[in-house]
Amino acid sequence: MNWLNTVAGWLPEFVDGFLVTLALVAMCLPAALVLGMLLVLARISSKALVWMPAYAVIEFLRNVPTFLLILVVYYGAPLLGSRLDGLYCGAIAIAVQHTAYLAEVFRGGVGAVPRTQWDAGRAIGFKPVGVFFRVVLPQAVLKVVPAIGNQVVVLIKDTSLVAGIGVVDLTLTGKLIMERTAASYEVFIVVAIFYLVLTTLASGLFRWLEVPAGKRR
């Protein structure tokens, strides 16, 4: 039971690291959702000068390792005169990459909305952008709630990568505690439990949202 005493003694540090992870999720998720909705609007455009750059951006971001993108933002920001710390650099990189993933999720939902919905929106006087945001997108989101939930879980796990640039999140907190206690196995079990709790809550929330969404479809 000595390891339990060790872990309990470091509980405030674990909680601090967990709060940093929560802050990252709180910054990344809303940004990725909003930007993903805007990016999918460009992706489904009928104009080649609009959809082709959007397609290129999505494919690039989806095929670049997340940690590499974090490093690019972290080391590139000073070259642009920015003095952002690692927390914000990591949040920007993760949000930008998940924008691409969520754009594709939304595109799948938009594709499942009958074309007649577009025609109905135009018939009542909406412009194409208005039809998208006021008629099509709400229906599309309802169709892809499970996929959004899966992507949120991936985003939560990706936040652990900011430990590589010195952000003292839950993962780096675990590493620092391990170095001081030599209890590597026990410490990282606790870290895993924290992540498991967070991802389980996120999954449960989206499963709960999926039920009323299914009734409205």
N, C-alpha and C. Protein backbone atom coordinates (compact mmCIF):
# COMPACT_ATOMS: atom_id res chain seq x y z
N MET A 1 0.81 -1.22 0.00
CA MET A 1 0.00 0.00 0.00
C MET A 1 0.85 1.27 0.00
N ASN A 2 2.19 1.08 0.02
CA ASN A 2 3.05 2.26 0.05
C ASN A 2 2.84 3.14 -1.18
N TRP A 3 2.58 2.47 -2.31
CA TRP A 3 2.41 3.25 -3.54
C TRP A 3 1.15 4.12 -3.48
N LEU A 4 0.14 3.63 -2.77
CA LEU A 4 -1.06 4.44 -2.60
C LEU A 4 -0.77 5.69 -1.79
N ASN A 5 0.04 5.53 -0.77
CA ASN A 5 0.43 6.69 0.03
C ASN A 5 1.24 7.68 -0.80
N THR A 6 2.11 7.13 -1.67
CA THR A 6 2.92 7.98 -2.53
C THR A 6 2.03 8.78 -3.48
N VAL A 7 1.10 8.08 -4.12
CA VAL A 7 0.19 8.74 -5.06
C VAL A 7 -0.67 9.77 -4.34
N ALA A 8 -1.19 9.41 -3.17
CA ALA A 8 -2.04 10.33 -2.42
C ALA A 8 -1.28 11.59 -2.03
N GLY A 9 0.00 11.44 -1.75
CA GLY A 9 0.80 12.60 -1.38
C GLY A 9 1.00 13.57 -2.52
N TRP A 10 0.90 13.07 -3.74
CA TRP A 10 1.08 13.92 -4.93
C TRP A 10 -0.24 14.29 -5.59
N LEU A 11 -1.35 14.00 -4.92
CA LEU A 11 -2.66 14.24 -5.53
C LEU A 11 -2.87 15.69 -5.96
N PRO A 12 -2.47 16.69 -5.18
CA PRO A 12 -2.66 18.08 -5.65
C PRO A 12 -1.96 18.36 -6.97
N GLU A 13 -0.77 17.76 -7.16
CA GLU A 13 -0.05 17.96 -8.42
C GLU A 13 -0.79 17.28 -9.58
N PHE A 14 -1.32 16.07 -9.32
CA PHE A 14 -2.11 15.40 -10.35
C PHE A 14 -3.32 16.25 -10.75
N VAL A 15 -3.98 16.81 -9.77
CA VAL A 15 -5.16 17.64 -10.04
C VAL A 15 -4.77 18.88 -10.83
N ASP A 16 -3.65 19.50 -10.48
CA ASP A 16 -3.19 20.67 -11.24
C ASP A 16 -2.93 20.31 -12.70
N GLY A 17 -2.27 19.18 -12.92
CA GLY A 17 -2.02 18.74 -14.29
C GLY A 17 -3.30 18.43 -15.03
N PHE A 18 -4.25 17.83 -14.33
CA PHE A 18 -5.55 17.52 -14.92
C PHE A 18 -6.28 18.79 -15.33
N LEU A 19 -6.18 19.83 -14.51
CA LEU A 19 -6.84 21.10 -14.83
C LEU A 19 -6.21 21.75 -16.06
N VAL A 20 -4.90 21.59 -16.24
CA VAL A 20 -4.25 22.10 -17.45
C VAL A 20 -4.78 21.35 -18.67
N THR A 21 -4.92 20.04 -18.54
CA THR A 21 -5.48 19.24 -19.64
C THR A 21 -6.90 19.69 -19.96
N LEU A 22 -7.70 19.92 -18.94
CA LEU A 22 -9.07 20.42 -19.16
C LEU A 22 -9.06 21.77 -19.86
N ALA A 23 -8.13 22.63 -19.46
CA ALA A 23 -8.03 23.95 -20.10
C ALA A 23 -7.69 23.81 -21.58
N LEU A 24 -6.82 22.88 -21.90
CA LEU A 24 -6.47 22.64 -23.30
C LEU A 24 -7.69 22.19 -24.09
N VAL A 25 -8.44 21.24 -23.53
CA VAL A 25 -9.65 20.76 -24.20
C VAL A 25 -10.64 21.91 -24.38
N ALA A 26 -10.79 22.73 -23.35
CA ALA A 26 -11.73 23.85 -23.41
C ALA A 26 -11.34 24.88 -24.46
N MET A 27 -10.05 25.03 -24.73
CA MET A 27 -9.60 25.95 -25.77
C MET A 27 -9.70 25.33 -27.16
N CYS A 28 -9.30 24.06 -27.26
CA CYS A 28 -9.20 23.42 -28.58
C CYS A 28 -10.56 23.06 -29.18
N LEU A 29 -11.43 22.49 -28.36
CA LEU A 29 -12.67 21.92 -28.90
C LEU A 29 -13.60 22.96 -29.52
N PRO A 30 -13.95 24.06 -28.84
CA PRO A 30 -14.82 25.04 -29.48
C PRO A 30 -14.21 25.62 -30.75
N ALA A 31 -12.90 25.90 -30.71
CA ALA A 31 -12.24 26.45 -31.89
C ALA A 31 -12.30 25.48 -33.06
N ALA A 32 -12.02 24.21 -32.79
CA ALA A 32 -12.03 23.21 -33.86
C ALA A 32 -13.44 23.02 -34.42
N LEU A 33 -14.45 23.05 -33.57
CA LEU A 33 -15.83 22.89 -34.05
C LEU A 33 -16.24 24.05 -34.95
N VAL A 34 -15.97 25.27 -34.52
CA VAL A 34 -16.37 26.44 -35.30
C VAL A 34 -15.59 26.50 -36.61
N LEU A 35 -14.28 26.33 -36.53
CA LEU A 35 -13.46 26.38 -37.75
C LEU A 35 -13.78 25.23 -38.68
N GLY A 36 -14.13 24.07 -38.12
CA GLY A 36 -14.51 22.93 -38.95
C GLY A 36 -15.77 23.21 -39.74
N MET A 37 -16.73 23.90 -39.12
CA MET A 37 -17.96 24.27 -39.82
C MET A 37 -17.68 25.25 -40.96
N LEU A 38 -16.77 26.18 -40.73
CA LEU A 38 -16.42 27.14 -41.78
C LEU A 38 -15.64 26.46 -42.90
N LEU A 39 -14.74 25.54 -42.52
CA LEU A 39 -13.93 24.87 -43.53
C LEU A 39 -14.76 23.96 -44.41
N VAL A 40 -15.75 23.28 -43.83
CA VAL A 40 -16.58 22.40 -44.65
C VAL A 40 -17.43 23.21 -45.62
N LEU A 41 -17.79 24.42 -45.24
CA LEU A 41 -18.54 25.28 -46.17
C LEU A 41 -17.71 25.56 -47.41
N ALA A 42 -16.41 25.81 -47.21
CA ALA A 42 -15.52 26.00 -48.36
C ALA A 42 -15.33 24.70 -49.13
N ARG A 43 -15.24 23.60 -48.39
CA ARG A 43 -14.97 22.30 -49.03
C ARG A 43 -16.10 21.87 -49.96
N ILE A 44 -17.34 22.21 -49.63
CA ILE A 44 -18.46 21.76 -50.46
C ILE A 44 -18.86 22.80 -51.51
N SER A 45 -18.08 23.87 -51.59
CA SER A 45 -18.39 24.90 -52.59
C SER A 45 -18.29 24.33 -54.00
N SER A 46 -19.09 24.88 -54.89
CA SER A 46 -19.05 24.45 -56.29
C SER A 46 -17.95 25.17 -57.07
N LYS A 47 -17.33 26.16 -56.44
CA LYS A 47 -16.28 26.93 -57.10
C LYS A 47 -14.91 26.31 -56.83
N ALA A 48 -14.20 25.98 -57.90
CA ALA A 48 -12.92 25.30 -57.76
C ALA A 48 -11.91 26.13 -56.97
N LEU A 49 -11.95 27.45 -57.14
CA LEU A 49 -11.00 28.31 -56.42
C LEU A 49 -11.26 28.33 -54.92
N VAL A 50 -12.42 27.82 -54.52
CA VAL A 50 -12.75 27.75 -53.10
C VAL A 50 -12.53 26.34 -52.55
N TRP A 51 -13.09 25.34 -53.22
CA TRP A 51 -13.03 23.99 -52.66
C TRP A 51 -11.66 23.35 -52.80
N MET A 52 -10.91 23.69 -53.85
CA MET A 52 -9.60 23.06 -54.02
C MET A 52 -8.61 23.45 -52.91
N PRO A 53 -8.48 24.74 -52.55
CA PRO A 53 -7.62 25.08 -51.41
C PRO A 53 -8.11 24.44 -50.11
N ALA A 54 -9.43 24.41 -49.92
CA ALA A 54 -9.98 23.79 -48.71
C ALA A 54 -9.62 22.31 -48.66
N TYR A 55 -9.74 21.64 -49.79
CA TYR A 55 -9.37 20.22 -49.88
C TYR A 55 -7.89 20.02 -49.55
N ALA A 56 -7.04 20.89 -50.11
CA ALA A 56 -5.60 20.78 -49.88
C ALA A 56 -5.27 20.98 -48.40
N VAL A 57 -5.90 21.96 -47.78
CA VAL A 57 -5.67 22.22 -46.35
C VAL A 57 -6.09 21.02 -45.51
N ILE A 58 -7.26 20.48 -45.80
CA ILE A 58 -7.76 19.34 -45.03
C ILE A 58 -6.83 18.14 -45.16
N GLU A 59 -6.43 17.83 -46.39
CA GLU A 59 -5.56 16.67 -46.60
C GLU A 59 -4.20 16.87 -45.94
N PHE A 60 -3.67 18.07 -46.03
CA PHE A 60 -2.38 18.35 -45.40
C PHE A 60 -2.46 18.16 -43.88
N LEU A 61 -3.46 18.77 -43.27
CA LEU A 61 -3.58 18.70 -41.81
C LEU A 61 -3.88 17.30 -41.32
N ARG A 62 -4.63 16.55 -42.08
CA ARG A 62 -4.96 15.18 -41.67
C ARG A 62 -3.78 14.24 -41.78
N ASN A 63 -2.80 14.58 -42.60
CA ASN A 63 -1.69 13.67 -42.85
C ASN A 63 -0.38 14.10 -42.22
N VAL A 64 -0.42 15.17 -41.43
CA VAL A 64 0.77 15.62 -40.70
C VAL A 64 0.65 15.13 -39.26
N PRO A 65 1.71 14.52 -38.71
CA PRO A 65 1.65 14.09 -37.31
C PRO A 65 1.31 15.25 -36.37
N THR A 66 0.48 14.98 -35.41
CA THR A 66 0.05 16.04 -34.49
C THR A 66 1.23 16.67 -33.77
N PHE A 67 2.15 15.84 -33.30
CA PHE A 67 3.28 16.39 -32.55
C PHE A 67 4.16 17.26 -33.43
N LEU A 68 4.30 16.88 -34.70
CA LEU A 68 5.09 17.71 -35.62
C LEU A 68 4.44 19.08 -35.79
N LEU A 69 3.13 19.11 -35.89
CA LEU A 69 2.43 20.39 -36.03
C LEU A 69 2.60 21.23 -34.77
N ILE A 70 2.57 20.59 -33.62
CA ILE A 70 2.81 21.31 -32.36
C ILE A 70 4.21 21.94 -32.37
N LEU A 71 5.20 21.18 -32.82
CA LEU A 71 6.57 21.70 -32.87
C LEU A 71 6.69 22.86 -33.85
N VAL A 72 6.00 22.76 -34.99
CA VAL A 72 6.05 23.83 -35.99
C VAL A 72 5.50 25.12 -35.39
N VAL A 73 4.37 25.03 -34.70
CA VAL A 73 3.78 26.23 -34.10
C VAL A 73 4.66 26.75 -32.97
N TYR A 74 5.17 25.84 -32.15
CA TYR A 74 5.96 26.23 -30.98
C TYR A 74 7.26 26.94 -31.38
N TYR A 75 7.95 26.37 -32.37
CA TYR A 75 9.22 26.98 -32.79
C TYR A 75 9.03 28.04 -33.87
N GLY A 76 7.88 28.00 -34.55
CA GLY A 76 7.63 28.99 -35.59
C GLY A 76 7.08 30.29 -35.07
N ALA A 77 6.37 30.24 -33.94
CA ALA A 77 5.77 31.46 -33.39
C ALA A 77 6.79 32.56 -33.11
N PRO A 78 7.95 32.25 -32.50
CA PRO A 78 8.94 33.31 -32.26
C PRO A 78 9.47 33.94 -33.55
N LEU A 79 9.52 33.16 -34.63
CA LEU A 79 10.00 33.70 -35.90
C LEU A 79 9.04 34.74 -36.46
N LEU A 80 7.78 34.66 -36.04
CA LEU A 80 6.77 35.63 -36.48
C LEU A 80 6.60 36.77 -35.48
N GLY A 81 7.47 36.78 -34.48
CA GLY A 81 7.41 37.85 -33.49
C GLY A 81 6.45 37.59 -32.36
N SER A 82 5.89 36.37 -32.29
CA SER A 82 4.94 36.04 -31.23
C SER A 82 5.68 35.46 -30.03
N ARG A 83 5.18 35.75 -28.84
CA ARG A 83 5.80 35.23 -27.62
C ARG A 83 4.81 34.34 -26.86
N LEU A 84 4.03 33.58 -27.61
CA LEU A 84 3.07 32.67 -26.99
C LEU A 84 3.81 31.58 -26.23
N ASP A 85 3.28 31.20 -25.07
CA ASP A 85 3.91 30.11 -24.35
C ASP A 85 3.43 28.77 -24.90
N GLY A 86 4.01 27.70 -24.38
CA GLY A 86 3.74 26.38 -24.91
C GLY A 86 2.28 25.97 -24.85
N LEU A 87 1.58 26.38 -23.79
CA LEU A 87 0.18 26.01 -23.65
C LEU A 87 -0.64 26.49 -24.84
N TYR A 88 -0.46 27.74 -25.22
CA TYR A 88 -1.24 28.30 -26.32
C TYR A 88 -0.77 27.78 -27.67
N CYS A 89 0.53 27.56 -27.80
CA CYS A 89 1.04 26.98 -29.05
C CYS A 89 0.47 25.58 -29.26
N GLY A 90 0.46 24.79 -28.19
CA GLY A 90 -0.11 23.46 -28.29
C GLY A 90 -1.60 23.50 -28.60
N ALA A 91 -2.31 24.42 -27.96
CA ALA A 91 -3.75 24.53 -28.19
C ALA A 91 -4.04 24.92 -29.64
N ILE A 92 -3.25 25.84 -30.18
CA ILE A 92 -3.45 26.27 -31.57
C ILE A 92 -3.23 25.10 -32.52
N ALA A 93 -2.13 24.38 -32.32
CA ALA A 93 -1.80 23.28 -33.22
C ALA A 93 -2.86 22.18 -33.18
N ILE A 94 -3.27 21.80 -31.99
CA ILE A 94 -4.27 20.74 -31.86
C ILE A 94 -5.62 21.18 -32.43
N ALA A 95 -6.01 22.42 -32.15
CA ALA A 95 -7.28 22.93 -32.68
C ALA A 95 -7.27 22.97 -34.20
N VAL A 96 -6.16 23.43 -34.77
CA VAL A 96 -6.07 23.53 -36.23
C VAL A 96 -6.16 22.15 -36.87
N GLN A 97 -5.43 21.18 -36.31
CA GLN A 97 -5.48 19.86 -36.92
C GLN A 97 -6.86 19.23 -36.79
N HIS A 98 -7.48 19.37 -35.65
CA HIS A 98 -8.80 18.76 -35.48
C HIS A 98 -9.89 19.52 -36.24
N THR A 99 -9.59 20.74 -36.64
CA THR A 99 -10.48 21.44 -37.56
C THR A 99 -10.66 20.63 -38.84
N ALA A 100 -9.56 20.09 -39.35
CA ALA A 100 -9.61 19.30 -40.58
C ALA A 100 -10.41 18.02 -40.38
N TYR A 101 -10.16 17.33 -39.27
CA TYR A 101 -10.90 16.09 -39.01
C TYR A 101 -12.40 16.36 -38.86
N LEU A 102 -12.74 17.40 -38.13
CA LEU A 102 -14.15 17.71 -37.92
C LEU A 102 -14.81 18.22 -39.19
N ALA A 103 -14.05 18.90 -40.04
CA ALA A 103 -14.61 19.34 -41.33
C ALA A 103 -15.05 18.13 -42.15
N GLU A 104 -14.26 17.07 -42.13
CA GLU A 104 -14.63 15.86 -42.86
C GLU A 104 -15.83 15.17 -42.21
N VAL A 105 -15.89 15.21 -40.89
CA VAL A 105 -17.06 14.65 -40.20
C VAL A 105 -18.32 15.41 -40.61
N PHE A 106 -18.23 16.74 -40.59
CA PHE A 106 -19.38 17.56 -40.98
C PHE A 106 -19.73 17.34 -42.46
N ARG A 107 -18.72 17.14 -43.29
CA ARG A 107 -18.98 16.92 -44.72
C ARG A 107 -19.80 15.65 -44.92
N GLY A 108 -19.48 14.63 -44.12
CA GLY A 108 -20.27 13.41 -44.20
C GLY A 108 -21.72 13.65 -43.81
N GLY A 109 -21.92 14.49 -42.78
CA GLY A 109 -23.28 14.81 -42.37
C GLY A 109 -24.02 15.63 -43.41
N VAL A 110 -23.32 16.59 -44.00
CA VAL A 110 -23.93 17.43 -45.05
C VAL A 110 -24.34 16.57 -46.24
N GLY A 111 -23.50 15.61 -46.58
CA GLY A 111 -23.81 14.73 -47.71
C GLY A 111 -25.04 13.87 -47.46
N ALA A 112 -25.36 13.64 -46.18
CA ALA A 112 -26.52 12.82 -45.85
C ALA A 112 -27.82 13.61 -45.80
N VAL A 113 -27.72 14.93 -45.88
CA VAL A 113 -28.93 15.77 -45.89
C VAL A 113 -29.50 15.80 -47.31
N PRO A 114 -30.76 15.49 -47.49
CA PRO A 114 -31.34 15.47 -48.84
C PRO A 114 -31.17 16.80 -49.56
N ARG A 115 -30.94 16.71 -50.85
CA ARG A 115 -30.77 17.92 -51.67
C ARG A 115 -32.01 18.81 -51.62
N THR A 116 -33.14 18.21 -51.37
CA THR A 116 -34.38 18.99 -51.31
C THR A 116 -34.35 20.03 -50.18
N GLN A 117 -33.55 19.77 -49.15
CA GLN A 117 -33.44 20.74 -48.06
C GLN A 117 -32.75 22.03 -48.53
N TRP A 118 -31.75 21.87 -49.40
CA TRP A 118 -31.11 23.04 -50.00
C TRP A 118 -32.13 23.82 -50.83
N ASP A 119 -32.87 23.08 -51.65
CA ASP A 119 -33.86 23.72 -52.52
C ASP A 119 -34.94 24.43 -51.70
N ALA A 120 -35.35 23.80 -50.59
CA ALA A 120 -36.38 24.41 -49.75
C ALA A 120 -35.87 25.70 -49.12
N GLY A 121 -34.61 25.68 -48.69
CA GLY A 121 -34.02 26.89 -48.11
C GLY A 121 -33.95 28.03 -49.10
N ARG A 122 -33.56 27.70 -50.32
CA ARG A 122 -33.50 28.74 -51.36
C ARG A 122 -34.90 29.25 -51.70
N ALA A 123 -35.89 28.34 -51.64
CA ALA A 123 -37.26 28.72 -51.99
C ALA A 123 -37.85 29.73 -51.02
N ILE A 124 -37.39 29.70 -49.76
CA ILE A 124 -37.93 30.65 -48.79
C ILE A 124 -37.07 31.91 -48.68
N GLY A 125 -36.11 32.04 -49.59
CA GLY A 125 -35.38 33.30 -49.70
C GLY A 125 -34.00 33.35 -49.09
N PHE A 126 -33.49 32.24 -48.54
CA PHE A 126 -32.14 32.25 -47.99
C PHE A 126 -31.10 32.23 -49.10
N LYS A 127 -29.99 32.91 -48.88
CA LYS A 127 -28.85 32.79 -49.77
C LYS A 127 -28.13 31.48 -49.46
N PRO A 128 -27.24 30.99 -50.34
CA PRO A 128 -26.58 29.70 -50.12
C PRO A 128 -25.94 29.55 -48.74
N VAL A 129 -25.24 30.59 -48.28
CA VAL A 129 -24.60 30.51 -46.97
C VAL A 129 -25.65 30.41 -45.87
N GLY A 130 -26.74 31.15 -46.02
CA GLY A 130 -27.82 31.09 -45.05
C GLY A 130 -28.48 29.72 -45.02
N VAL A 131 -28.66 29.12 -46.20
CA VAL A 131 -29.23 27.78 -46.27
C VAL A 131 -28.32 26.80 -45.53
N PHE A 132 -27.02 26.95 -45.73
CA PHE A 132 -26.07 26.04 -45.10
C PHE A 132 -26.15 26.11 -43.58
N PHE A 133 -26.06 27.32 -43.04
CA PHE A 133 -25.99 27.47 -41.59
C PHE A 133 -27.34 27.34 -40.89
N ARG A 134 -28.42 27.69 -41.56
CA ARG A 134 -29.73 27.71 -40.90
C ARG A 134 -30.59 26.49 -41.21
N VAL A 135 -30.28 25.80 -42.29
CA VAL A 135 -31.12 24.66 -42.68
C VAL A 135 -30.32 23.36 -42.70
N VAL A 136 -29.21 23.35 -43.43
CA VAL A 136 -28.48 22.11 -43.67
C VAL A 136 -27.59 21.70 -42.50
N LEU A 137 -26.77 22.64 -42.01
CA LEU A 137 -25.80 22.29 -40.97
C LEU A 137 -26.45 21.72 -39.70
N PRO A 138 -27.54 22.31 -39.20
CA PRO A 138 -28.16 21.72 -38.00
C PRO A 138 -28.56 20.26 -38.20
N GLN A 139 -29.10 19.95 -39.39
CA GLN A 139 -29.47 18.56 -39.67
C GLN A 139 -28.24 17.69 -39.81
N ALA A 140 -27.19 18.23 -40.43
CA ALA A 140 -25.96 17.47 -40.62
C ALA A 140 -25.32 17.11 -39.28
N VAL A 141 -25.30 18.05 -38.36
CA VAL A 141 -24.70 17.81 -37.04
C VAL A 141 -25.44 16.69 -36.32
N LEU A 142 -26.76 16.69 -36.40
CA LEU A 142 -27.54 15.64 -35.75
C LEU A 142 -27.20 14.26 -36.29
N LYS A 143 -26.84 14.19 -37.55
CA LYS A 143 -26.53 12.90 -38.18
C LYS A 143 -25.15 12.37 -37.81
N VAL A 144 -24.28 13.24 -37.33
CA VAL A 144 -22.90 12.81 -37.07
C VAL A 144 -22.49 12.99 -35.60
N VAL A 145 -23.46 13.03 -34.71
CA VAL A 145 -23.14 13.18 -33.28
C VAL A 145 -22.16 12.10 -32.80
N PRO A 146 -22.36 10.80 -33.16
CA PRO A 146 -21.39 9.79 -32.70
C PRO A 146 -19.98 10.04 -33.23
N ALA A 147 -19.88 10.45 -34.49
CA ALA A 147 -18.56 10.70 -35.08
C ALA A 147 -17.89 11.91 -34.42
N ILE A 148 -18.67 12.92 -34.09
CA ILE A 148 -18.11 14.08 -33.37
C ILE A 148 -17.60 13.63 -32.01
N GLY A 149 -18.37 12.79 -31.33
CA GLY A 149 -17.95 12.27 -30.03
C GLY A 149 -16.64 11.52 -30.12
N ASN A 150 -16.48 10.68 -31.14
CA ASN A 150 -15.23 9.95 -31.33
C ASN A 150 -14.06 10.90 -31.53
N GLN A 151 -14.30 11.95 -32.30
CA GLN A 151 -13.23 12.91 -32.56
C GLN A 151 -12.86 13.70 -31.31
N VAL A 152 -13.84 13.97 -30.48
CA VAL A 152 -13.56 14.67 -29.21
C VAL A 152 -12.67 13.81 -28.32
N VAL A 153 -12.92 12.51 -28.29
CA VAL A 153 -12.07 11.61 -27.50
C VAL A 153 -10.64 11.62 -28.02
N VAL A 154 -10.49 11.61 -29.34
CA VAL A 154 -9.14 11.68 -29.93
C VAL A 154 -8.47 12.99 -29.56
N LEU A 155 -9.22 14.08 -29.60
CA LEU A 155 -8.66 15.39 -29.25
C LEU A 155 -8.17 15.39 -27.79
N ILE A 156 -8.98 14.83 -26.91
CA ILE A 156 -8.57 14.77 -25.50
C ILE A 156 -7.25 14.04 -25.35
N LYS A 157 -7.11 12.92 -26.04
CA LYS A 157 -5.87 12.15 -25.94
C LYS A 157 -4.70 12.89 -26.58
N ASP A 158 -4.97 13.62 -27.64
CA ASP A 158 -3.89 14.37 -28.32
C ASP A 158 -3.33 15.49 -27.44
N THR A 159 -4.11 15.97 -26.48
CA THR A 159 -3.59 17.03 -25.62
C THR A 159 -2.36 16.58 -24.84
N SER A 160 -2.20 15.28 -24.66
CA SER A 160 -1.04 14.77 -23.92
C SER A 160 0.27 15.08 -24.63
N LEU A 161 0.21 15.35 -25.93
CA LEU A 161 1.42 15.61 -26.71
C LEU A 161 2.09 16.93 -26.34
N VAL A 162 1.36 17.84 -25.71
CA VAL A 162 1.98 19.12 -25.34
C VAL A 162 3.04 18.93 -24.27
N ALA A 163 3.06 17.78 -23.63
CA ALA A 163 4.13 17.50 -22.66
C ALA A 163 5.49 17.56 -23.34
N GLY A 164 5.52 17.27 -24.64
CA GLY A 164 6.78 17.28 -25.38
C GLY A 164 7.37 18.66 -25.57
N ILE A 165 6.60 19.72 -25.34
CA ILE A 165 7.15 21.08 -25.44
C ILE A 165 7.17 21.75 -24.06
N GLY A 166 7.09 20.94 -23.03
CA GLY A 166 7.27 21.46 -21.68
C GLY A 166 6.03 21.96 -20.97
N VAL A 167 4.86 21.75 -21.53
CA VAL A 167 3.63 22.16 -20.86
C VAL A 167 3.32 21.15 -19.75
N VAL A 168 3.17 21.63 -18.55
CA VAL A 168 2.98 20.72 -17.41
C VAL A 168 1.51 20.31 -17.32
N ASP A 169 1.11 19.48 -18.25
CA ASP A 169 -0.24 18.94 -18.25
C ASP A 169 -0.26 17.67 -17.42
N LEU A 170 -1.29 16.87 -17.57
CA LEU A 170 -1.40 15.64 -16.79
C LEU A 170 -0.26 14.67 -17.10
N THR A 171 0.10 14.54 -18.37
CA THR A 171 1.15 13.61 -18.76
C THR A 171 2.51 14.02 -18.22
N LEU A 172 2.88 15.27 -18.42
CA LEU A 172 4.18 15.72 -17.93
C LEU A 172 4.22 15.74 -16.40
N THR A 173 3.09 16.04 -15.78
CA THR A 173 3.02 15.96 -14.32
C THR A 173 3.36 14.55 -13.85
N GLY A 174 2.79 13.55 -14.54
CA GLY A 174 3.10 12.17 -14.20
C GLY A 174 4.57 11.86 -14.35
N LYS A 175 5.18 12.35 -15.43
CA LYS A 175 6.61 12.11 -15.66
C LYS A 175 7.46 12.74 -14.56
N LEU A 176 7.12 13.96 -14.18
CA LEU A 176 7.89 14.65 -13.14
C LEU A 176 7.75 13.95 -11.79
N ILE A 177 6.54 13.48 -11.48
CA ILE A 177 6.34 12.75 -10.23
C ILE A 177 7.09 11.43 -10.25
N MET A 178 7.08 10.76 -11.40
CA MET A 178 7.80 9.50 -11.53
C MET A 178 9.29 9.69 -11.27
N GLU A 179 9.85 10.78 -11.81
CA GLU A 179 11.28 11.03 -11.63
C GLU A 179 11.64 11.27 -10.16
N ARG A 180 10.68 11.79 -9.41
CA ARG A 180 10.95 12.09 -7.99
C ARG A 180 10.67 10.89 -7.09
N THR A 181 9.80 10.01 -7.53
CA THR A 181 9.41 8.89 -6.66
C THR A 181 9.90 7.54 -7.15
N ALA A 182 10.29 7.45 -8.43
CA ALA A 182 10.70 6.19 -9.06
C ALA A 182 9.54 5.19 -9.13
N ALA A 183 8.33 5.67 -8.91
CA ALA A 183 7.15 4.79 -8.98
C ALA A 183 6.48 4.95 -10.34
N SER A 184 7.20 4.56 -11.38
CA SER A 184 6.72 4.81 -12.75
C SER A 184 5.40 4.10 -13.05
N TYR A 185 5.34 2.82 -12.71
CA TYR A 185 4.15 2.03 -13.01
C TYR A 185 2.93 2.61 -12.31
N GLU A 186 3.06 2.86 -11.04
CA GLU A 186 1.93 3.33 -10.25
C GLU A 186 1.48 4.73 -10.68
N VAL A 187 2.46 5.60 -10.94
CA VAL A 187 2.14 6.98 -11.31
C VAL A 187 1.37 7.02 -12.62
N PHE A 188 1.84 6.27 -13.61
CA PHE A 188 1.18 6.34 -14.91
C PHE A 188 -0.14 5.59 -14.95
N ILE A 189 -0.35 4.69 -14.00
CA ILE A 189 -1.70 4.11 -13.86
C ILE A 189 -2.67 5.21 -13.42
N VAL A 190 -2.23 6.04 -12.48
CA VAL A 190 -3.07 7.15 -12.02
C VAL A 190 -3.34 8.12 -13.16
N VAL A 191 -2.30 8.45 -13.93
CA VAL A 191 -2.47 9.34 -15.09
C VAL A 191 -3.49 8.74 -16.06
N ALA A 192 -3.36 7.44 -16.33
CA ALA A 192 -4.29 6.78 -17.24
C ALA A 192 -5.71 6.83 -16.72
N ILE A 193 -5.87 6.69 -15.41
CA ILE A 193 -7.22 6.74 -14.82
C ILE A 193 -7.84 8.12 -15.02
N PHE A 194 -7.04 9.17 -14.84
CA PHE A 194 -7.55 10.53 -15.06
C PHE A 194 -8.03 10.69 -16.51
N TYR A 195 -7.21 10.23 -17.46
CA TYR A 195 -7.62 10.32 -18.87
C TYR A 195 -8.85 9.47 -19.14
N LEU A 196 -8.89 8.29 -18.54
CA LEU A 196 -10.03 7.40 -18.74
C LEU A 196 -11.32 8.04 -18.24
N VAL A 197 -11.25 8.68 -17.09
CA VAL A 197 -12.43 9.36 -16.55
C VAL A 197 -12.90 10.45 -17.51
N LEU A 198 -11.95 11.23 -18.03
CA LEU A 198 -12.31 12.34 -18.91
C LEU A 198 -12.90 11.85 -20.23
N THR A 199 -12.26 10.85 -20.84
CA THR A 199 -12.77 10.35 -22.12
C THR A 199 -14.09 9.60 -21.94
N THR A 200 -14.24 8.92 -20.82
CA THR A 200 -15.50 8.21 -20.56
C THR A 200 -16.65 9.20 -20.39
N LEU A 201 -16.39 10.29 -19.67
CA LEU A 201 -17.42 11.32 -19.52
C LEU A 201 -17.79 11.93 -20.86
N ALA A 202 -16.78 12.19 -21.69
CA ALA A 202 -17.04 12.76 -23.02
C ALA A 202 -17.85 11.79 -23.87
N SER A 203 -17.46 10.52 -23.86
CA SER A 203 -18.20 9.52 -24.64
C SER A 203 -19.63 9.38 -24.14
N GLY A 204 -19.79 9.38 -22.82
CA GLY A 204 -21.13 9.29 -22.26
C GLY A 204 -22.00 10.47 -22.63
N LEU A 205 -21.41 11.65 -22.64
CA LEU A 205 -22.17 12.85 -23.02
C LEU A 205 -22.67 12.74 -24.45
N PHE A 206 -21.81 12.30 -25.36
CA PHE A 206 -22.23 12.22 -26.76
C PHE A 206 -23.18 11.06 -27.00
N ARG A 207 -23.07 9.99 -26.22
CA ARG A 207 -24.09 8.93 -26.32
C ARG A 207 -25.44 9.45 -25.85
N TRP A 208 -25.41 10.27 -24.80
CA TRP A 208 -26.66 10.88 -24.31
C TRP A 208 -27.25 11.82 -25.35
N LEU A 209 -26.39 12.59 -26.02
CA LEU A 209 -26.86 13.50 -27.06
C LEU A 209 -27.35 12.75 -28.29
N GLU A 210 -26.80 11.56 -28.52
CA GLU A 210 -27.15 10.80 -29.71
C GLU A 210 -28.60 10.35 -29.68
N VAL A 211 -29.14 10.07 -28.51
CA VAL A 211 -30.51 9.56 -28.40
C VAL A 211 -31.53 10.60 -28.86
N PRO A 212 -31.52 11.82 -28.28
CA PRO A 212 -32.47 12.83 -28.79
C PRO A 212 -32.18 13.23 -30.23
N ALA A 213 -30.90 13.18 -30.63
CA ALA A 213 -30.57 13.51 -32.01
C ALA A 213 -31.20 12.50 -32.96
N GLY A 214 -31.16 11.21 -32.56
CA GLY A 214 -31.77 10.18 -33.39
C GLY A 214 -33.27 10.35 -33.51
N LYS A 215 -33.91 10.83 -32.45
CA LYS A 215 -35.35 11.04 -32.50
C LYS A 215 -35.72 12.19 -33.42
N ARG A 216 -34.80 13.19 -33.52
CA ARG A 216 -35.12 14.36 -34.33
C ARG A 216 -34.81 14.16 -35.81
N ARG A 217 -34.01 13.15 -36.13
CA ARG A 217 -33.63 12.97 -37.53
C ARG A 217 -34.81 12.52 -38.37
